[in-house]
N, C-alpha and C. Protein backbone atom coordinates (compact mmCIF):
# COMPACT_ATOMS: atom_id res chain seq x y z
N MET A 1 -15.66 -20.68 -24.24
CA MET A 1 -15.20 -21.04 -23.17
C MET A 1 -15.34 -21.84 -22.54
N CYS A 2 -14.86 -23.21 -22.02
CA CYS A 2 -15.25 -23.52 -20.92
C CYS A 2 -15.16 -23.08 -19.57
N CYS A 3 -15.59 -23.23 -18.60
CA CYS A 3 -15.35 -22.76 -17.05
C CYS A 3 -16.11 -23.92 -16.23
N LEU A 4 -15.07 -23.82 -14.90
CA LEU A 4 -15.96 -24.60 -13.81
C LEU A 4 -16.81 -23.93 -13.27
N SER A 5 -17.92 -24.49 -12.62
CA SER A 5 -18.63 -23.49 -11.58
C SER A 5 -18.48 -24.82 -10.27
N SER A 6 -19.52 -23.84 -9.32
CA SER A 6 -18.27 -24.29 -7.72
C SER A 6 -18.48 -25.74 -7.90
N ASN A 7 -19.26 -26.25 -8.34
CA ASN A 7 -19.41 -27.32 -7.87
C ASN A 7 -18.33 -28.61 -8.66
N ASN A 8 -17.22 -28.14 -9.85
CA ASN A 8 -16.26 -28.63 -10.84
C ASN A 8 -16.79 -29.53 -11.78
N LYS A 9 -18.11 -29.10 -12.04
CA LYS A 9 -18.54 -29.37 -13.65
C LYS A 9 -18.55 -28.51 -14.83
N TYR A 10 -18.14 -29.12 -15.61
CA TYR A 10 -17.41 -28.00 -16.61
C TYR A 10 -19.28 -27.38 -17.18
N HIS A 11 -19.34 -26.16 -17.98
CA HIS A 11 -20.34 -25.82 -18.45
C HIS A 11 -19.84 -25.31 -20.09
N THR A 12 -20.22 -25.03 -21.05
CA THR A 12 -19.76 -24.71 -22.12
C THR A 12 -20.65 -24.44 -22.73
N GLY A 13 -20.36 -23.21 -23.67
CA GLY A 13 -21.14 -22.75 -24.64
C GLY A 13 -21.28 -23.78 -26.24
N THR A 14 -21.59 -23.09 -26.86
CA THR A 14 -21.76 -23.85 -28.49
C THR A 14 -20.46 -24.06 -28.79
N GLY A 15 -19.94 -25.21 -29.62
CA GLY A 15 -18.60 -25.32 -29.63
C GLY A 15 -17.49 -25.42 -29.17
N ASN A 16 -17.79 -25.27 -27.80
CA ASN A 16 -16.85 -25.53 -26.70
C ASN A 16 -16.63 -26.86 -25.98
N ALA A 17 -17.46 -27.91 -27.23
CA ALA A 17 -17.15 -29.50 -26.43
C ALA A 17 -15.27 -29.58 -26.89
N ILE A 18 -14.63 -29.13 -27.74
CA ILE A 18 -13.10 -29.65 -28.00
C ILE A 18 -12.50 -28.78 -26.49
N ILE A 19 -12.36 -27.63 -25.99
CA ILE A 19 -12.06 -27.27 -25.00
C ILE A 19 -12.27 -28.36 -23.96
N VAL A 20 -13.59 -28.95 -23.68
CA VAL A 20 -14.11 -29.72 -22.81
C VAL A 20 -13.04 -31.11 -22.75
N TRP A 21 -12.81 -31.65 -23.84
CA TRP A 21 -11.84 -32.05 -24.36
C TRP A 21 -10.66 -32.62 -23.94
N LEU A 22 -9.82 -31.24 -24.46
CA LEU A 22 -8.68 -30.82 -24.54
C LEU A 22 -8.32 -31.17 -22.74
N ARG A 23 -9.60 -29.80 -22.21
CA ARG A 23 -9.42 -29.87 -20.43
C ARG A 23 -9.06 -31.19 -19.75
N LEU A 24 -10.26 -32.26 -20.00
CA LEU A 24 -10.25 -33.17 -19.30
C LEU A 24 -9.33 -34.39 -19.80
N SER A 25 -8.55 -34.15 -21.04
CA SER A 25 -7.29 -35.30 -21.11
C SER A 25 -5.78 -34.49 -21.06
N ARG A 26 -5.76 -33.29 -20.54
CA ARG A 26 -4.18 -33.15 -20.20
C ARG A 26 -4.64 -31.48 -20.51
N ALA A 27 -3.41 -30.77 -19.58
CA ALA A 27 -2.88 -29.26 -19.88
C ALA A 27 -3.15 -28.65 -21.07
N VAL A 28 -3.88 -27.45 -21.26
CA VAL A 28 -3.92 -26.73 -22.76
C VAL A 28 -3.73 -25.58 -22.69
N LYS A 29 -2.80 -25.60 -24.20
CA LYS A 29 -2.13 -24.52 -24.76
C LYS A 29 -2.97 -23.59 -25.23
N TYR A 30 -3.00 -22.60 -24.60
CA TYR A 30 -3.82 -21.09 -24.96
C TYR A 30 -2.81 -20.12 -25.45
N GLY A 31 -3.58 -19.21 -26.93
CA GLY A 31 -2.79 -18.69 -27.22
C GLY A 31 -3.18 -17.25 -27.12
N TYR A 32 -2.76 -16.39 -27.64
CA TYR A 32 -3.22 -14.70 -27.76
C TYR A 32 -2.96 -14.05 -28.77
N ALA A 33 -3.19 -13.51 -29.50
CA ALA A 33 -3.02 -12.83 -30.95
C ALA A 33 -3.86 -11.41 -30.90
N ARG A 34 -3.13 -10.44 -31.09
CA ARG A 34 -3.68 -8.63 -31.30
C ARG A 34 -3.31 -8.39 -32.53
N VAL A 35 -3.91 -7.15 -32.99
CA VAL A 35 -3.33 -6.52 -34.21
C VAL A 35 -4.30 -5.43 -33.99
N SER A 36 -3.39 -4.51 -33.95
CA SER A 36 -3.95 -2.89 -33.77
C SER A 36 -5.05 -2.15 -34.18
N THR A 37 -4.80 -2.54 -35.63
CA THR A 37 -5.87 -1.87 -36.46
C THR A 37 -6.73 -2.81 -37.33
N ASP A 38 -7.74 -2.34 -37.45
CA ASP A 38 -8.55 -3.09 -38.35
C ASP A 38 -8.44 -3.49 -39.52
N ASP A 39 -7.13 -3.04 -40.51
CA ASP A 39 -6.98 -3.61 -42.23
C ASP A 39 -5.56 -4.71 -41.73
N GLN A 40 -5.16 -5.14 -40.28
CA GLN A 40 -4.00 -5.53 -40.30
C GLN A 40 -4.24 -6.97 -40.10
N ASN A 41 -3.74 -7.68 -40.27
CA ASN A 41 -4.08 -9.23 -40.34
C ASN A 41 -3.45 -10.26 -39.56
N PRO A 42 -4.30 -10.92 -38.60
CA PRO A 42 -3.42 -11.95 -37.49
C PRO A 42 -3.32 -13.02 -38.19
N ALA A 43 -2.86 -13.55 -39.42
CA ALA A 43 -2.62 -14.92 -40.04
C ALA A 43 -1.33 -15.30 -39.65
N LEU A 44 -0.22 -14.47 -39.38
CA LEU A 44 0.78 -14.99 -39.23
C LEU A 44 0.79 -15.30 -37.79
N GLN A 45 0.37 -14.67 -36.67
CA GLN A 45 0.20 -15.20 -35.08
C GLN A 45 -0.68 -16.05 -35.23
N LEU A 46 -1.63 -16.21 -35.88
CA LEU A 46 -2.46 -17.49 -35.78
C LEU A 46 -1.74 -18.65 -36.62
N ALA A 47 -1.05 -18.47 -37.23
CA ALA A 47 -0.21 -19.51 -37.85
C ALA A 47 0.34 -20.10 -36.91
N ALA A 48 1.65 -19.25 -36.32
CA ALA A 48 2.42 -19.51 -35.37
C ALA A 48 1.81 -20.26 -34.19
N LEU A 49 1.03 -19.66 -33.65
CA LEU A 49 0.36 -20.50 -33.01
C LEU A 49 -0.22 -21.99 -32.82
N LYS A 50 -0.84 -22.04 -33.89
CA LYS A 50 -1.39 -23.41 -34.48
C LYS A 50 -0.24 -24.42 -34.53
N ARG A 51 0.79 -24.09 -35.16
CA ARG A 51 2.45 -25.14 -35.28
C ARG A 51 2.79 -25.25 -33.72
N VAL A 52 2.82 -24.39 -33.17
CA VAL A 52 3.09 -24.95 -31.47
C VAL A 52 1.98 -25.71 -31.13
N GLY A 53 0.84 -26.17 -31.17
CA GLY A 53 -0.30 -26.72 -30.77
C GLY A 53 -1.20 -26.06 -29.92
N CYS A 54 -1.58 -24.86 -30.03
CA CYS A 54 -2.78 -24.17 -30.03
C CYS A 54 -4.20 -24.37 -31.03
N HIS A 55 -4.60 -25.19 -30.69
CA HIS A 55 -6.45 -25.30 -31.41
C HIS A 55 -6.84 -24.11 -31.47
N SER A 56 -7.69 -24.06 -32.86
CA SER A 56 -8.29 -22.78 -32.98
C SER A 56 -8.88 -22.31 -32.02
N LYS A 57 -9.97 -23.28 -31.06
CA LYS A 57 -10.84 -22.60 -30.24
C LYS A 57 -9.92 -22.70 -29.29
N SER A 58 -9.03 -22.42 -28.91
CA SER A 58 -8.20 -22.16 -27.63
C SER A 58 -7.28 -20.93 -27.51
N VAL A 59 -7.58 -20.34 -28.67
CA VAL A 59 -6.99 -18.92 -29.13
C VAL A 59 -7.80 -17.90 -28.68
N PHE A 60 -7.09 -16.97 -28.07
CA PHE A 60 -7.80 -15.85 -27.71
C PHE A 60 -7.41 -14.36 -28.86
N LYS A 61 -8.13 -13.61 -29.63
CA LYS A 61 -8.01 -12.69 -30.32
C LYS A 61 -8.76 -11.43 -30.28
N ASP A 62 -7.76 -10.25 -29.76
CA ASP A 62 -8.36 -9.13 -30.20
C ASP A 62 -8.28 -8.45 -31.38
N ASP A 63 -8.70 -7.73 -31.98
CA ASP A 63 -8.59 -7.26 -33.38
C ASP A 63 -9.20 -5.63 -33.49
N GLY A 64 -7.96 -4.96 -33.81
CA GLY A 64 -8.02 -3.45 -34.01
C GLY A 64 -8.21 -3.10 -32.63
N LEU A 65 -7.26 -2.96 -31.50
CA LEU A 65 -6.90 -2.55 -30.50
C LEU A 65 -5.53 -2.35 -29.95
N SER A 66 -4.98 -1.27 -29.48
CA SER A 66 -4.01 -1.01 -29.45
C SER A 66 -3.56 -1.85 -28.00
N GLY A 67 -1.87 -1.80 -27.92
CA GLY A 67 -1.73 -2.76 -27.16
C GLY A 67 -1.62 -1.57 -25.51
N ALA A 68 -2.19 -0.67 -25.88
CA ALA A 68 -2.02 0.93 -24.64
C ALA A 68 -3.27 0.48 -24.28
N THR A 69 -4.31 0.29 -24.81
CA THR A 69 -5.43 0.21 -24.19
C THR A 69 -6.24 -0.80 -22.96
N THR A 70 -6.48 -0.89 -22.02
CA THR A 70 -6.85 -1.59 -21.49
C THR A 70 -7.93 -2.74 -21.46
N LYS A 71 -8.70 -2.29 -22.56
CA LYS A 71 -9.78 -2.35 -22.96
C LYS A 71 -10.18 -3.43 -23.82
N ARG A 72 -9.74 -4.99 -23.75
CA ARG A 72 -9.12 -5.84 -24.45
C ARG A 72 -9.91 -7.06 -24.14
N PRO A 73 -11.12 -6.99 -25.01
CA PRO A 73 -12.34 -8.16 -24.25
C PRO A 73 -11.43 -9.70 -24.05
N ALA A 74 -10.70 -9.68 -25.20
CA ALA A 74 -10.02 -11.71 -25.51
C ALA A 74 -9.31 -11.60 -23.90
N LEU A 75 -8.05 -10.40 -23.80
CA LEU A 75 -6.79 -10.75 -22.89
C LEU A 75 -7.60 -10.70 -21.66
N LEU A 76 -8.86 -10.24 -21.40
CA LEU A 76 -9.43 -9.86 -19.69
C LEU A 76 -9.92 -11.14 -19.82
N ARG A 77 -10.60 -12.20 -20.65
CA ARG A 77 -11.04 -13.67 -20.57
C ARG A 77 -9.73 -14.63 -20.42
N CYS A 78 -8.98 -14.31 -21.09
CA CYS A 78 -7.55 -15.07 -21.01
C CYS A 78 -7.33 -15.10 -19.78
N PRO A 79 -6.76 -14.53 -18.58
CA PRO A 79 -6.35 -15.19 -17.50
C PRO A 79 -7.42 -15.90 -16.41
N LYS A 80 -8.52 -15.57 -16.82
CA LYS A 80 -9.60 -16.66 -16.40
C LYS A 80 -10.12 -17.48 -16.62
N THR A 81 -9.40 -17.94 -17.69
CA THR A 81 -9.67 -19.46 -18.07
C THR A 81 -8.35 -20.26 -17.89
N LEU A 82 -7.43 -19.74 -17.52
CA LEU A 82 -6.03 -20.52 -17.68
C LEU A 82 -6.11 -21.16 -15.86
N GLN A 83 -5.60 -22.51 -16.58
CA GLN A 83 -5.42 -23.38 -15.12
C GLN A 83 -4.42 -23.66 -14.67
N HIS A 84 -3.91 -24.23 -13.86
CA HIS A 84 -2.82 -24.91 -13.28
C HIS A 84 -2.23 -25.80 -14.29
N GLY A 85 -1.25 -25.59 -14.83
CA GLY A 85 -0.35 -26.74 -15.97
C GLY A 85 -0.79 -26.37 -16.80
N ASP A 86 -1.44 -25.37 -17.57
CA ASP A 86 -2.21 -24.87 -19.10
C ASP A 86 -0.95 -24.20 -19.32
N THR A 87 -0.63 -23.57 -20.49
CA THR A 87 0.38 -22.88 -21.13
C THR A 87 0.10 -21.92 -22.15
N LEU A 88 0.20 -20.42 -21.91
CA LEU A 88 -0.31 -19.00 -22.48
C LEU A 88 1.11 -19.09 -23.57
N ILE A 89 0.08 -18.86 -24.88
CA ILE A 89 1.54 -18.73 -25.88
C ILE A 89 1.13 -17.41 -26.60
N VAL A 90 2.08 -16.51 -27.15
CA VAL A 90 2.07 -15.89 -27.71
C VAL A 90 2.92 -15.43 -28.55
N TRP A 91 2.83 -14.91 -29.72
CA TRP A 91 3.31 -14.76 -31.02
C TRP A 91 4.93 -13.93 -30.47
N LYS A 92 4.55 -12.96 -29.89
CA LYS A 92 5.47 -11.94 -29.36
C LYS A 92 4.73 -11.03 -28.37
N LEU A 93 5.91 -10.83 -26.83
CA LEU A 93 5.65 -10.03 -26.10
C LEU A 93 4.73 -9.10 -26.07
N ASP A 94 5.08 -8.27 -27.52
CA ASP A 94 4.46 -6.86 -27.10
C ASP A 94 2.62 -6.77 -27.95
N ARG A 95 2.51 -8.10 -28.16
CA ARG A 95 1.02 -8.25 -28.09
C ARG A 95 0.20 -8.29 -26.80
N LEU A 96 0.95 -8.58 -25.89
CA LEU A 96 0.22 -8.75 -24.46
C LEU A 96 0.02 -7.24 -23.85
N GLY A 97 1.00 -6.16 -24.37
CA GLY A 97 0.93 -5.19 -23.90
C GLY A 97 1.96 -4.10 -24.18
N ARG A 98 2.44 -3.11 -24.19
CA ARG A 98 3.09 -2.19 -24.63
C ARG A 98 3.92 -1.48 -23.43
N SER A 99 3.37 -1.72 -22.59
CA SER A 99 3.49 -1.27 -20.86
C SER A 99 4.20 -2.46 -20.33
N LEU A 100 5.71 -2.21 -19.69
CA LEU A 100 6.32 -2.85 -19.32
C LEU A 100 5.41 -3.49 -18.13
N ARG A 101 4.91 -2.77 -17.05
CA ARG A 101 4.75 -2.89 -15.70
C ARG A 101 3.42 -3.82 -15.91
N ASP A 102 2.74 -3.69 -16.88
CA ASP A 102 1.15 -4.49 -16.99
C ASP A 102 1.76 -5.86 -17.55
N LEU A 103 2.67 -6.06 -18.12
CA LEU A 103 3.23 -7.12 -18.58
C LEU A 103 3.92 -8.16 -17.39
N ILE A 104 4.69 -7.33 -17.03
CA ILE A 104 5.30 -8.23 -15.69
C ILE A 104 4.30 -8.57 -14.47
N THR A 105 2.97 -7.83 -14.24
CA THR A 105 2.15 -8.09 -13.28
C THR A 105 1.34 -9.36 -13.92
N MET A 106 1.02 -9.50 -15.13
CA MET A 106 0.38 -10.53 -15.74
C MET A 106 1.12 -12.01 -15.64
N LEU A 107 2.37 -11.81 -16.04
CA LEU A 107 3.25 -12.95 -16.14
C LEU A 107 3.51 -13.44 -14.60
N ASP A 108 3.33 -12.38 -13.63
CA ASP A 108 3.73 -12.94 -12.21
C ASP A 108 2.46 -13.51 -12.17
N ASP A 109 1.00 -13.08 -12.63
CA ASP A 109 -0.05 -13.84 -12.17
C ASP A 109 -0.06 -15.25 -12.49
N VAL A 110 -0.22 -15.39 -13.69
CA VAL A 110 -0.01 -16.25 -14.20
C VAL A 110 1.00 -17.50 -14.02
N ARG A 111 2.28 -17.23 -13.69
CA ARG A 111 3.10 -17.79 -13.06
C ARG A 111 2.58 -18.41 -11.80
N SER A 112 2.35 -17.62 -10.90
CA SER A 112 1.99 -17.67 -9.76
C SER A 112 0.78 -18.82 -9.47
N ARG A 113 -0.10 -18.94 -10.86
CA ARG A 113 -1.27 -19.64 -10.25
C ARG A 113 -0.66 -21.11 -11.23
N GLY A 114 0.83 -21.55 -11.73
CA GLY A 114 0.94 -22.95 -11.81
C GLY A 114 0.98 -22.66 -13.56
N VAL A 115 0.60 -21.83 -14.10
CA VAL A 115 0.86 -21.72 -15.74
C VAL A 115 2.19 -21.29 -16.32
N LYS A 116 1.94 -21.88 -17.32
CA LYS A 116 3.60 -21.96 -18.24
C LYS A 116 3.04 -20.75 -19.00
N PHE A 117 4.29 -20.01 -19.47
CA PHE A 117 4.42 -19.40 -20.53
C PHE A 117 5.46 -19.27 -21.41
N ARG A 118 4.66 -18.97 -22.65
CA ARG A 118 5.87 -19.46 -24.60
C ARG A 118 5.53 -17.73 -24.90
N SER A 119 6.83 -17.16 -25.69
CA SER A 119 6.50 -16.11 -26.40
C SER A 119 7.90 -16.83 -27.31
N LEU A 120 7.25 -16.82 -28.64
CA LEU A 120 7.78 -17.67 -29.82
C LEU A 120 8.90 -17.14 -30.57
N THR A 121 8.53 -15.49 -30.33
CA THR A 121 9.56 -14.80 -31.15
C THR A 121 10.88 -14.38 -30.44
N GLU A 122 10.56 -14.26 -29.09
CA GLU A 122 11.16 -14.00 -28.31
C GLU A 122 12.26 -15.26 -27.22
N ALA A 123 11.62 -16.31 -27.99
CA ALA A 123 12.13 -17.55 -27.02
C ALA A 123 12.37 -17.52 -25.79
N ILE A 124 10.98 -17.46 -25.44
CA ILE A 124 10.85 -17.20 -23.61
C ILE A 124 10.12 -18.75 -23.53
N ASP A 125 10.57 -19.42 -23.04
CA ASP A 125 9.46 -20.63 -22.16
C ASP A 125 9.88 -21.12 -20.67
N THR A 126 8.82 -20.63 -20.35
CA THR A 126 8.95 -21.11 -18.54
C THR A 126 8.95 -22.50 -18.61
N ASP A 127 8.74 -23.53 -19.56
CA ASP A 127 8.37 -25.16 -18.82
C ASP A 127 10.11 -25.55 -19.19
N THR A 128 10.77 -24.60 -19.52
CA THR A 128 12.40 -25.02 -19.65
C THR A 128 13.15 -24.52 -18.46
N PRO A 129 14.10 -25.22 -18.10
CA PRO A 129 15.09 -24.95 -16.58
C PRO A 129 15.57 -23.61 -16.76
N THR A 130 15.71 -23.14 -18.24
CA THR A 130 16.40 -21.42 -18.63
C THR A 130 15.51 -20.55 -19.31
N GLY A 131 14.41 -21.30 -19.36
CA GLY A 131 13.31 -20.45 -20.22
C GLY A 131 12.78 -19.29 -20.20
N GLY A 132 12.57 -18.93 -18.92
CA GLY A 132 12.48 -17.90 -18.07
C GLY A 132 12.95 -16.01 -18.49
N PRO A 133 12.44 -15.29 -18.50
CA PRO A 133 13.28 -14.33 -18.69
C PRO A 133 13.90 -13.91 -17.29
N CYS A 134 15.35 -13.91 -17.88
CA CYS A 134 16.74 -13.81 -17.23
C CYS A 134 16.44 -15.07 -16.34
N GLY A 135 16.69 -16.27 -16.89
CA GLY A 135 16.64 -17.42 -16.47
C GLY A 135 16.25 -17.77 -15.22
N LYS A 136 14.59 -17.11 -15.04
CA LYS A 136 14.27 -17.38 -13.52
C LYS A 136 13.58 -18.51 -14.31
């Protein structure tokens, strides 16, 4: 993933030129997908994220990790990448975690930084006037 250094210059690793281009041209749609076991397939989640505009290089994915565990490397990297104006999109809320407390904490954090949130299955979209949870 790309990141800003202290002097606001972009640094990228191999294959991240697309993210830099997206970042320079507009806000980025980031996706997060997770499957709990190695024998599950994230294809349904990844296809749904692609349909709503998440480029494959902007999708964070954890494989074979329970939502109850706090050691999900992709989910830990995701909030560090999000910037004001970006959107975090998940196929379903339970992909972020099974603890309501952790889910609320994460969503409050991204909202406070000006990041939009969208859950495809639950039809939550904080970029619409009534799209937030409970109409917020």
